[in-house]
Amino acid sequence: MTPKDKILRWVLFLILLFILAGMLFPMYWMVKTSLTKETGYVLNFSDLLPKGLTIKNYQDVWSSAPFLRFFLNSLIVAIFVTLGNLIFCLMVGYAFARREFVLKKVLFLSVILVLMIPAHIIIVPLFILIKKLGWYDTYLTLIVPWVVNPLGIFLMRQYIQNLPKELEDAARIDGAGDFKILFKIVMPLCKPALAVLAIQVFLVNWNSFLFPFILTSSEKMRTLPVALALYQGYQTIDWPHLMAASTICALPVIILFLFFQRQIISGLTAGALKQ
C-alpha cells in the first residue's frame, strides 16, 4: 500500500467516523438528558458531559401516566402485526414464486401498484370501514389492516425465486404436502429475508402514529407514539421527562436490531451475491 493510499484510507476513516458521531449524538443526547434534571439546552461544552445522573425521570414517567399500558399496547400491536406479516407474506410470496394460477401476473402487478400508493390516501375509507365493523378503538383496528403488506410479499417472492427448487421437488416425491414443504423446507431457508421483514414491520408499526391516533380515542388503547405526542398533557415542556419517555419508546427497536443484526445484514447482502 502506497503512502497516498494510506492517507486516503485515513481520510475516509475520519469521514466515516464523523458521520457515525453525527448519527449517534442524538441518541446520546436523548439518554443523557433523560438521566439528568437539566433543561436539555447546550450553553457551553460542559453541558455535553453527563453529570448528576438520576433515574427519577423514568420513575416520574411511569407514575405520571399509564406508560406501562401504552408500552404493552405498542408491544402487542407490533408483535401480532409482525407475526402476521411473517406468515402471510411468506405464503403469498411462495405462491407467486412457485405456483401458476389464473391472473397471477395481474395480481402481482396489483401488489406492485399498491407500493406506489401512499397509505394516507386510505385514511377516510378505512375509518368508515372500521366504524361499520365496530372495531373502532380496539386492538382489531390496530392489527388486522396491517397483517400483510405489499413490500413483504414482494421481498419474499423475490427471495424464494432464488432458492433451489430441487429441495422442494425431493420433498414432494417423498410425499410432503405444500404446507409441509413451505414451513419445513422453504421457511428455514428464508430466515435472512424473514429477519429483514420482521425488523422492518416491527419498526414501522412500533413508530406508527397517524393511524393509531385516528382509529383510537381512549387512553387505554393509546400506543407509545401517540402518548409521546400528547405527553404535554401530563408534563408541560419538560425535556428530561420527554427524553425519558422517548428512550423507553426506542429501546425495544434497538434490542430487536441487536438481536437480529446478523440475519439482517445477511438478508440485505444476499441479493447482491446472487448471480
C-alpha atoms as a PDB file:
ATOM      1  CA  MET A   1       0.000   0.000   0.000  1.00  0.00           C
ATOM      2  CA  THR A   2       1.453   3.321  -1.091  1.00  0.00           C
ATOM      3  CA  PRO A   3       1.631   6.372   1.225  1.00  0.00           C
ATOM      4  CA  LYS A   4      -1.061   8.031  -0.892  1.00  0.00           C
ATOM      5  CA  ASP A   5      -3.394   5.049  -0.381  1.00  0.00           C
ATOM      6  CA  LYS A   6      -2.764   5.152   3.363  1.00  0.00           C
ATOM      7  CA  ILE A   7      -3.615   8.854   3.502  1.00  0.00           C
ATOM      8  CA  LEU A   8      -6.808   8.297   1.519  1.00  0.00           C
ATOM      9  CA  ARG A   9      -7.731   5.417   3.789  1.00  0.00           C
ATOM     10  CA  TRP A  10      -7.276   7.552   6.902  1.00  0.00           C
ATOM     11  CA  VAL A  11      -9.245  10.400   5.361  1.00  0.00           C
ATOM     12  CA  LEU A  12     -12.092   8.016   4.543  1.00  0.00           C
ATOM     13  CA  PHE A  13     -11.918   6.585   8.064  1.00  0.00           C
ATOM     14  CA  LEU A  14     -12.148  10.060   9.617  1.00  0.00           C
ATOM     15  CA  ILE A  15     -15.083  10.994   7.383  1.00  0.00           C
ATOM     16  CA  LEU A  16     -16.954   7.820   8.337  1.00  0.00           C
ATOM     17  CA  LEU A  17     -16.116   8.387  11.997  1.00  0.00           C
ATOM     18  CA  PHE A  18     -17.507  11.924  11.783  1.00  0.00           C
ATOM     19  CA  ILE A  19     -20.706  10.621  10.145  1.00  0.00           C
ATOM     20  CA  LEU A  20     -21.047   7.918  12.824  1.00  0.00           C
ATOM     21  CA  ALA A  21     -20.632  10.506  15.592  1.00  0.00           C
ATOM     22  CA  GLY A  22     -23.315  12.669  13.978  1.00  0.00           C
ATOM     23  CA  MET A  23     -25.693   9.707  13.859  1.00  0.00           C
ATOM     24  CA  LEU A  24     -25.049   8.590  17.450  1.00  0.00           C
ATOM     25  CA  PHE A  25     -25.073  12.047  19.038  1.00  0.00           C
ATOM     26  CA  PRO A  26     -28.904  12.459  19.071  1.00  0.00           C
ATOM     27  CA  MET A  27     -29.223   9.104  20.841  1.00  0.00           C
ATOM     28  CA  TYR A  28     -26.509  10.074  23.323  1.00  0.00           C
ATOM     29  CA  TRP A  29     -28.193  13.409  23.965  1.00  0.00           C
ATOM     30  CA  MET A  30     -31.585  11.753  24.458  1.00  0.00           C
ATOM     31  CA  VAL A  31     -30.242   9.276  27.030  1.00  0.00           C
ATOM     32  CA  LYS A  32     -28.068  11.893  28.744  1.00  0.00           C
ATOM     33  CA  THR A  33     -30.955  14.351  29.072  1.00  0.00           C
ATOM     34  CA  SER A  34     -33.274  11.610  30.355  1.00  0.00           C
ATOM     35  CA  LEU A  35     -30.834  10.880  33.192  1.00  0.00           C
ATOM     36  CA  THR A  36     -30.425  14.468  34.404  1.00  0.00           C
ATOM     37  CA  LYS A  37     -32.565  17.208  35.893  1.00  0.00           C
ATOM     38  CA  GLU A  38     -31.283  19.792  33.452  1.00  0.00           C
ATOM     39  CA  THR A  39     -33.361  21.558  30.822  1.00  0.00           C
ATOM     40  CA  GLY A  40     -31.582  19.918  27.905  1.00  0.00           C
ATOM     41  CA  TYR A  41     -30.178  23.103  26.391  1.00  0.00           C
ATOM     42  CA  VAL A  42     -26.492  23.392  25.440  1.00  0.00           C
ATOM     43  CA  LEU A  43     -24.986  26.616  26.799  1.00  0.00           C
ATOM     44  CA  ASN A  44     -21.346  25.522  26.946  1.00  0.00           C
ATOM     45  CA  PHE A  45     -19.166  22.455  26.395  1.00  0.00           C
ATOM     46  CA  SER A  46     -19.695  21.183  29.945  1.00  0.00           C
ATOM     47  CA  ASP A  47     -23.381  20.735  29.161  1.00  0.00           C
ATOM     48  CA  LEU A  48     -22.400  17.946  26.774  1.00  0.00           C
ATOM     49  CA  LEU A  49     -20.940  15.898  29.627  1.00  0.00           C
ATOM     50  CA  PRO A  50     -23.183  13.747  31.862  1.00  0.00           C
ATOM     51  CA  LYS A  51     -23.432  14.955  35.444  1.00  0.00           C
ATOM     52  CA  GLY A  52     -25.831  14.457  38.315  1.00  0.00           C
ATOM     53  CA  LEU A  53     -27.262  11.293  36.761  1.00  0.00           C
ATOM     54  CA  THR A  54     -30.566  10.024  38.140  1.00  0.00           C
ATOM     55  CA  ILE A  55     -33.334   7.633  37.139  1.00  0.00           C
ATOM     56  CA  LYS A  56     -36.022   9.770  38.756  1.00  0.00           C
ATOM     57  CA  ASN A  57     -37.242  10.959  35.353  1.00  0.00           C
ATOM     58  CA  TYR A  58     -38.079   7.372  34.380  1.00  0.00           C
ATOM     59  CA  GLN A  59     -39.893   6.845  37.674  1.00  0.00           C
ATOM     60  CA  ASP A  60     -41.869  10.039  37.090  1.00  0.00           C
ATOM     61  CA  VAL A  61     -42.809   8.956  33.576  1.00  0.00           C
ATOM     62  CA  TRP A  62     -44.233   5.640  34.777  1.00  0.00           C
ATOM     63  CA  SER A  63     -46.118   7.275  37.630  1.00  0.00           C
ATOM     64  CA  SER A  64     -47.422  10.390  35.837  1.00  0.00           C
ATOM     65  CA  ALA A  65     -49.169   8.437  33.076  1.00  0.00           C
ATOM     66  CA  PRO A  66     -50.067   4.792  32.388  1.00  0.00           C
ATOM     67  CA  PHE A  67     -46.957   4.313  30.273  1.00  0.00           C
ATOM     68  CA  LEU A  68     -46.906   0.617  31.075  1.00  0.00           C
ATOM     69  CA  ARG A  69     -50.281   0.321  29.346  1.00  0.00           C
ATOM     70  CA  PHE A  70     -49.023   2.353  26.380  1.00  0.00           C
ATOM     71  CA  PHE A  71     -45.898   0.207  26.211  1.00  0.00           C
ATOM     72  CA  LEU A  72     -47.912  -3.032  26.282  1.00  0.00           C
ATOM     73  CA  ASN A  73     -50.304  -1.722  23.623  1.00  0.00           C
ATOM     74  CA  SER A  74     -47.433  -0.918  21.276  1.00  0.00           C
ATOM     75  CA  LEU A  75     -45.749  -4.232  22.034  1.00  0.00           C
ATOM     76  CA  ILE A  76     -48.912  -6.292  21.446  1.00  0.00           C
ATOM     77  CA  VAL A  77     -49.712  -4.494  18.184  1.00  0.00           C
ATOM     78  CA  ALA A  78     -46.147  -4.679  16.844  1.00  0.00           C
ATOM     79  CA  ILE A  79     -45.715  -8.367  17.732  1.00  0.00           C
ATOM     80  CA  PHE A  80     -49.013  -9.545  16.245  1.00  0.00           C
ATOM     81  CA  VAL A  81     -48.616  -7.455  13.089  1.00  0.00           C
ATOM     82  CA  THR A  82     -45.064  -8.747  12.661  1.00  0.00           C
ATOM     83  CA  LEU A  83     -46.130 -12.379  13.132  1.00  0.00           C
ATOM     84  CA  GLY A  84     -48.997 -11.887  10.681  1.00  0.00           C
ATOM     85  CA  ASN A  85     -46.672 -10.450   8.060  1.00  0.00           C
ATOM     86  CA  LEU A  86     -44.133 -13.232   8.519  1.00  0.00           C
ATOM     87  CA  ILE A  87     -46.792 -15.887   7.955  1.00  0.00           C
ATOM     88  CA  PHE A  88     -48.969 -14.324   5.261  1.00  0.00           C
ATOM     89  CA  CYS A  89     -46.211 -12.623   3.267  1.00  0.00           C
ATOM     90  CA  LEU A  90     -44.304 -15.919   3.234  1.00  0.00           C
ATOM     91  CA  MET A  91     -47.360 -17.820   2.000  1.00  0.00           C
ATOM     92  CA  VAL A  92     -48.334 -15.274  -0.647  1.00  0.00           C
ATOM     93  CA  GLY A  93     -44.718 -14.795  -1.747  1.00  0.00           C
ATOM     94  CA  TYR A  94     -44.324 -18.568  -2.124  1.00  0.00           C
ATOM     95  CA  ALA A  95     -47.498 -18.777  -4.211  1.00  0.00           C
ATOM     96  CA  PHE A  96     -46.273 -16.030  -6.558  1.00  0.00           C
ATOM     97  CA  ALA A  97     -42.799 -17.585  -6.801  1.00  0.00           C
ATOM     98  CA  ARG A  98     -43.689 -21.263  -7.275  1.00  0.00           C
ATOM     99  CA  ARG A  99     -47.321 -21.601  -8.358  1.00  0.00           C
ATOM    100  CA  GLU A 100     -49.132 -20.971 -11.618  1.00  0.00           C
ATOM    101  CA  PHE A 101     -52.719 -19.769 -11.378  1.00  0.00           C
ATOM    102  CA  VAL A 102     -55.215 -17.584 -13.194  1.00  0.00           C
ATOM    103  CA  LEU A 103     -54.410 -13.845 -13.262  1.00  0.00           C
ATOM    104  CA  LYS A 104     -51.099 -14.419 -11.478  1.00  0.00           C
ATOM    105  CA  LYS A 105     -49.318 -11.612 -13.327  1.00  0.00           C
ATOM    106  CA  VAL A 106     -52.243  -9.235 -12.895  1.00  0.00           C
ATOM    107  CA  LEU A 107     -52.416  -9.897  -9.148  1.00  0.00           C
ATOM    108  CA  PHE A 108     -48.677  -9.458  -8.725  1.00  0.00           C
ATOM    109  CA  LEU A 109     -48.847  -6.229 -10.706  1.00  0.00           C
ATOM    110  CA  SER A 110     -51.566  -5.024  -8.333  1.00  0.00           C
ATOM    111  CA  VAL A 111     -49.211  -5.729  -5.417  1.00  0.00           C
ATOM    112  CA  ILE A 112     -46.536  -3.577  -7.075  1.00  0.00           C
ATOM    113  CA  LEU A 113     -49.050  -0.813  -7.769  1.00  0.00           C
ATOM    114  CA  VAL A 114     -50.116  -0.729  -4.105  1.00  0.00           C
ATOM    115  CA  LEU A 115     -46.496   0.087  -3.238  1.00  0.00           C
ATOM    116  CA  MET A 116     -46.886   3.299  -5.239  1.00  0.00           C
ATOM    117  CA  ILE A 117     -49.979   4.437  -3.350  1.00  0.00           C
ATOM    118  CA  PRO A 118     -49.358   6.382  -0.107  1.00  0.00           C
ATOM    119  CA  ALA A 119     -51.091   4.730   2.845  1.00  0.00           C
ATOM    120  CA  HIS A 120     -52.536   8.073   3.942  1.00  0.00           C
ATOM    121  CA  ILE A 121     -54.904   8.058   0.955  1.00  0.00           C
ATOM    122  CA  ILE A 122     -56.964   5.277   2.551  1.00  0.00           C
ATOM    123  CA  ILE A 123     -57.476   7.044   5.892  1.00  0.00           C
ATOM    124  CA  VAL A 124     -61.070   8.109   5.238  1.00  0.00           C
ATOM    125  CA  PRO A 125     -62.391   4.842   3.678  1.00  0.00           C
ATOM    126  CA  LEU A 126     -60.515   2.809   6.304  1.00  0.00           C
ATOM    127  CA  PHE A 127     -62.029   4.893   9.098  1.00  0.00           C
ATOM    128  CA  ILE A 128     -65.548   4.404   7.679  1.00  0.00           C
ATOM    129  CA  LEU A 129     -64.975   0.643   7.296  1.00  0.00           C
ATOM    130  CA  ILE A 130     -63.610   0.318  10.841  1.00  0.00           C
ATOM    131  CA  LYS A 131     -66.617   2.177  12.250  1.00  0.00           C
ATOM    132  CA  LYS A 132     -69.088  -0.035  10.349  1.00  0.00           C
ATOM    133  CA  LEU A 133     -67.322  -3.192  11.533  1.00  0.00           C
ATOM    134  CA  GLY A 134     -67.449  -1.978  15.123  1.00  0.00           C
ATOM    135  CA  TRP A 135     -63.677  -2.225  15.510  1.00  0.00           C
ATOM    136  CA  TYR A 136     -63.060   1.413  16.404  1.00  0.00           C
ATOM    137  CA  ASP A 137     -60.859   1.846  19.481  1.00  0.00           C
ATOM    138  CA  THR A 138     -59.985  -1.873  19.707  1.00  0.00           C
ATOM    139  CA  TYR A 139     -56.921  -3.999  19.091  1.00  0.00           C
ATOM    140  CA  LEU A 140     -58.509  -5.284  15.886  1.00  0.00           C
ATOM    141  CA  THR A 141     -58.293  -1.871  14.241  1.00  0.00           C
ATOM    142  CA  LEU A 142     -54.606  -1.617  15.153  1.00  0.00           C
ATOM    143  CA  ILE A 143     -53.689  -5.121  13.957  1.00  0.00           C
ATOM    144  CA  VAL A 144     -55.958  -6.586  11.241  1.00  0.00           C
ATOM    145  CA  PRO A 145     -55.465  -3.930   8.488  1.00  0.00           C
ATOM    146  CA  TRP A 146     -51.686  -4.334   8.677  1.00  0.00           C
ATOM    147  CA  VAL A 147     -51.104  -8.112   8.980  1.00  0.00           C
ATOM    148  CA  VAL A 148     -49.883  -8.263   5.370  1.00  0.00           C
ATOM    149  CA  ASN A 149     -48.147  -5.613   3.287  1.00  0.00           C
ATOM    150  CA  PRO A 150     -47.118  -5.500  -0.398  1.00  0.00           C
ATOM    151  CA  LEU A 151     -43.450  -4.814   0.361  1.00  0.00           C
ATOM    152  CA  GLY A 152     -43.253  -8.031   2.383  1.00  0.00           C
ATOM    153  CA  ILE A 153     -44.933 -10.009  -0.406  1.00  0.00           C
ATOM    154  CA  PHE A 154     -42.514  -8.604  -2.982  1.00  0.00           C
ATOM    155  CA  LEU A 155     -39.490  -9.288  -0.752  1.00  0.00           C
ATOM    156  CA  MET A 156     -40.449 -12.904  -0.055  1.00  0.00           C
ATOM    157  CA  ARG A 157     -41.373 -13.608  -3.672  1.00  0.00           C
ATOM    158  CA  GLN A 158     -38.014 -12.330  -4.927  1.00  0.00           C
ATOM    159  CA  TYR A 159     -36.088 -14.254  -2.271  1.00  0.00           C
ATOM    160  CA  ILE A 160     -37.931 -17.560  -2.796  1.00  0.00           C
ATOM    161  CA  GLN A 161     -37.397 -17.354  -6.546  1.00  0.00           C
ATOM    162  CA  ASN A 162     -33.631 -17.592  -5.928  1.00  0.00           C
ATOM    163  CA  LEU A 163     -33.932 -20.743  -3.819  1.00  0.00           C
ATOM    164  CA  PRO A 164     -33.215 -24.116  -5.496  1.00  0.00           C
ATOM    165  CA  LYS A 165     -36.403 -25.953  -6.452  1.00  0.00           C
ATOM    166  CA  GLU A 166     -34.696 -29.348  -6.195  1.00  0.00           C
ATOM    167  CA  LEU A 167     -35.194 -29.478  -2.417  1.00  0.00           C
ATOM    168  CA  GLU A 168     -38.932 -28.910  -2.804  1.00  0.00           C
ATOM    169  CA  ASP A 169     -39.181 -31.470  -5.603  1.00  0.00           C
ATOM    170  CA  ALA A 170     -37.367 -34.069  -3.482  1.00  0.00           C
ATOM    171  CA  ALA A 171     -39.699 -33.423  -0.545  1.00  0.00           C
ATOM    172  CA  ARG A 172     -42.736 -33.672  -2.822  1.00  0.00           C
ATOM    173  CA  ILE A 173     -41.521 -37.034  -4.133  1.00  0.00           C
ATOM    174  CA  ASP A 174     -41.242 -38.220  -0.509  1.00  0.00           C
ATOM    175  CA  GLY A 175     -44.910 -37.367  -0.026  1.00  0.00           C
ATOM    176  CA  ALA A 176     -44.678 -33.961   1.639  1.00  0.00           C
ATOM    177  CA  GLY A 177     -47.624 -31.614   1.101  1.00  0.00           C
ATOM    178  CA  ASP A 178     -47.490 -27.955   0.154  1.00  0.00           C
ATOM    179  CA  PHE A 179     -47.751 -26.636   3.716  1.00  0.00           C
ATOM    180  CA  LYS A 180     -45.076 -29.036   4.984  1.00  0.00           C
ATOM    181  CA  ILE A 181     -42.755 -28.005   2.163  1.00  0.00           C
ATOM    182  CA  LEU A 182     -43.423 -24.349   2.858  1.00  0.00           C
ATOM    183  CA  PHE A 183     -42.935 -24.392   6.629  1.00  0.00           C
ATOM    184  CA  LYS A 184     -40.374 -27.208   6.945  1.00  0.00           C
ATOM    185  CA  ILE A 185     -38.134 -26.546   3.948  1.00  0.00           C
ATOM    186  CA  VAL A 186     -38.726 -23.102   2.431  1.00  0.00           C
ATOM    187  CA  MET A 187     -39.207 -21.120   5.636  1.00  0.00           C
ATOM    188  CA  PRO A 188     -35.876 -22.165   7.250  1.00  0.00           C
ATOM    189  CA  LEU A 189     -34.089 -21.145   4.045  1.00  0.00           C
ATOM    190  CA  CYS A 190     -35.834 -17.758   4.172  1.00  0.00           C
ATOM    191  CA  LYS A 191     -34.574 -16.804   7.636  1.00  0.00           C
ATOM    192  CA  PRO A 192     -32.436 -13.863   6.400  1.00  0.00           C
ATOM    193  CA  ALA A 193     -35.331 -12.387   4.401  1.00  0.00           C
ATOM    194  CA  LEU A 194     -37.770 -13.039   7.250  1.00  0.00           C
ATOM    195  CA  ALA A 195     -35.439 -11.241   9.660  1.00  0.00           C
ATOM    196  CA  VAL A 196     -35.340  -8.220   7.349  1.00  0.00           C
ATOM    197  CA  LEU A 197     -39.134  -8.289   7.041  1.00  0.00           C
ATOM    198  CA  ALA A 198     -39.591  -8.676  10.805  1.00  0.00           C
ATOM    199  CA  ILE A 199     -37.404  -5.705  11.760  1.00  0.00           C
ATOM    200  CA  GLN A 200     -38.960  -3.529   9.060  1.00  0.00           C
ATOM    201  CA  VAL A 201     -42.549  -4.344  10.027  1.00  0.00           C
ATOM    202  CA  PHE A 202     -41.847  -4.123  13.761  1.00  0.00           C
ATOM    203  CA  LEU A 203     -40.126  -0.770  13.379  1.00  0.00           C
ATOM    204  CA  VAL A 204     -42.867   0.721  11.203  1.00  0.00           C
ATOM    205  CA  ASN A 205     -45.682  -0.413  13.496  1.00  0.00           C
ATOM    206  CA  TRP A 206     -43.848   0.431  16.710  1.00  0.00           C
ATOM    207  CA  ASN A 207     -43.357   4.002  15.464  1.00  0.00           C
ATOM    208  CA  SER A 208     -46.762   4.302  13.791  1.00  0.00           C
ATOM    209  CA  PHE A 209     -48.578   7.434  14.897  1.00  0.00           C
ATOM    210  CA  LEU A 210     -51.213   8.622  12.405  1.00  0.00           C
ATOM    211  CA  PHE A 211     -53.439   5.543  12.157  1.00  0.00           C
ATOM    212  CA  PRO A 212     -53.413   4.700  15.908  1.00  0.00           C
ATOM    213  CA  PHE A 213     -54.155   8.361  16.608  1.00  0.00           C
ATOM    214  CA  ILE A 214     -57.158   8.418  14.240  1.00  0.00           C
ATOM    215  CA  LEU A 215     -58.534   4.918  14.827  1.00  0.00           C
ATOM    216  CA  THR A 216     -58.468   5.042  18.654  1.00  0.00           C
ATOM    217  CA  SER A 217     -59.740   7.551  21.150  1.00  0.00           C
ATOM    218  CA  SER A 218     -59.497   6.157  24.683  1.00  0.00           C
ATOM    219  CA  GLU A 219     -56.397   6.279  26.838  1.00  0.00           C
ATOM    220  CA  LYS A 220     -56.442   2.512  27.365  1.00  0.00           C
ATOM    221  CA  MET A 221     -55.841   1.908  23.614  1.00  0.00           C
ATOM    222  CA  ARG A 222     -53.175   4.586  23.223  1.00  0.00           C
ATOM    223  CA  THR A 223     -49.801   3.466  21.838  1.00  0.00           C
ATOM    224  CA  LEU A 224     -46.421   4.939  22.760  1.00  0.00           C
ATOM    225  CA  PRO A 225     -46.032   7.304  19.752  1.00  0.00           C
ATOM    226  CA  VAL A 226     -49.489   8.749  20.414  1.00  0.00           C
ATOM    227  CA  ALA A 227     -48.727   9.008  24.119  1.00  0.00           C
ATOM    228  CA  LEU A 228     -45.474  10.846  23.384  1.00  0.00           C
ATOM    229  CA  ALA A 229     -47.285  13.306  21.100  1.00  0.00           C
ATOM    230  CA  LEU A 230     -49.838  14.003  23.851  1.00  0.00           C
ATOM    231  CA  TYR A 231     -47.268  13.956  26.642  1.00  0.00           C
ATOM    232  CA  GLN A 232     -47.654  17.684  27.282  1.00  0.00           C
ATOM    233  CA  GLY A 233     -50.997  16.790  28.770  1.00  0.00           C
ATOM    234  CA  TYR A 234     -49.121  15.156  31.662  1.00  0.00           C
ATOM    235  CA  GLN A 235     -45.961  17.259  31.718  1.00  0.00           C
ATOM    236  CA  THR A 236     -45.532  20.742  30.302  1.00  0.00           C
ATOM    237  CA  ILE A 237     -42.464  21.348  28.145  1.00  0.00           C
ATOM    238  CA  ASP A 238     -40.159  19.162  30.208  1.00  0.00           C
ATOM    239  CA  TRP A 239     -37.197  17.826  28.234  1.00  0.00           C
ATOM    240  CA  PRO A 240     -35.781  15.382  30.809  1.00  0.00           C
ATOM    241  CA  HIS A 241     -39.122  13.597  31.226  1.00  0.00           C
ATOM    242  CA  LEU A 242     -39.856  13.709  27.493  1.00  0.00           C
ATOM    243  CA  MET A 243     -36.449  12.223  26.701  1.00  0.00           C
ATOM    244  CA  ALA A 244     -37.003   9.511  29.310  1.00  0.00           C
ATOM    245  CA  ALA A 245     -40.280   8.580  27.624  1.00  0.00           C
ATOM    246  CA  SER A 246     -38.593   8.663  24.198  1.00  0.00           C
ATOM    247  CA  THR A 247     -35.819   6.361  25.451  1.00  0.00           C
ATOM    248  CA  ILE A 248     -38.417   3.875  26.676  1.00  0.00           C
ATOM    249  CA  CYS A 249     -40.051   4.013  23.243  1.00  0.00           C
ATOM    250  CA  ALA A 250     -36.755   3.454  21.393  1.00  0.00           C
ATOM    251  CA  LEU A 251     -35.344   0.604  23.499  1.00  0.00           C
ATOM    252  CA  PRO A 252     -37.341  -2.335  22.011  1.00  0.00           C
ATOM    253  CA  VAL A 253     -36.346  -1.416  18.455  1.00  0.00           C
ATOM    254  CA  ILE A 254     -32.666  -1.151  19.425  1.00  0.00           C
ATOM    255  CA  ILE A 255     -32.788  -4.500  21.217  1.00  0.00           C
ATOM    256  CA  LEU A 256     -34.540  -6.133  18.258  1.00  0.00           C
ATOM    257  CA  PHE A 257     -31.888  -4.882  15.854  1.00  0.00           C
ATOM    258  CA  LEU A 258     -29.028  -6.042  18.096  1.00  0.00           C
ATOM    259  CA  PHE A 259     -30.631  -9.480  18.367  1.00  0.00           C
ATOM    260  CA  PHE A 260     -31.211  -9.908  14.619  1.00  0.00           C
ATOM    261  CA  GLN A 261     -28.317  -7.868  13.220  1.00  0.00           C
ATOM    262  CA  ARG A 262     -26.502 -10.866  11.689  1.00  0.00           C
ATOM    263  CA  GLN A 263     -29.633 -12.094   9.904  1.00  0.00           C
ATOM    264  CA  ILE A 264     -30.480  -8.556   8.773  1.00  0.00           C
ATOM    265  CA  ILE A 265     -27.049  -7.953   7.263  1.00  0.00           C
ATOM    266  CA  SER A 266     -27.006 -11.360   5.548  1.00  0.00           C
ATOM    267  CA  GLY A 267     -30.511 -10.713   4.196  1.00  0.00           C
ATOM    268  CA  LEU A 268     -29.530  -7.311   2.824  1.00  0.00           C
ATOM    269  CA  THR A 269     -26.397  -8.660   1.119  1.00  0.00           C
ATOM    270  CA  ALA A 270     -27.847 -11.957  -0.150  1.00  0.00           C
ATOM    271  CA  GLY A 271     -29.484 -10.353  -3.157  1.00  0.00           C
ATOM    272  CA  ALA A 272     -26.243  -8.694  -4.215  1.00  0.00           C
ATOM    273  CA  LEU A 273     -24.412 -12.029  -4.191  1.00  0.00           C
ATOM    274  CA  LYS A 274     -26.960 -13.867  -6.341  1.00  0.00           C
ATOM    275  CA  GLN A 275     -25.986 -14.380  -9.961  1.00  0.00           C
END
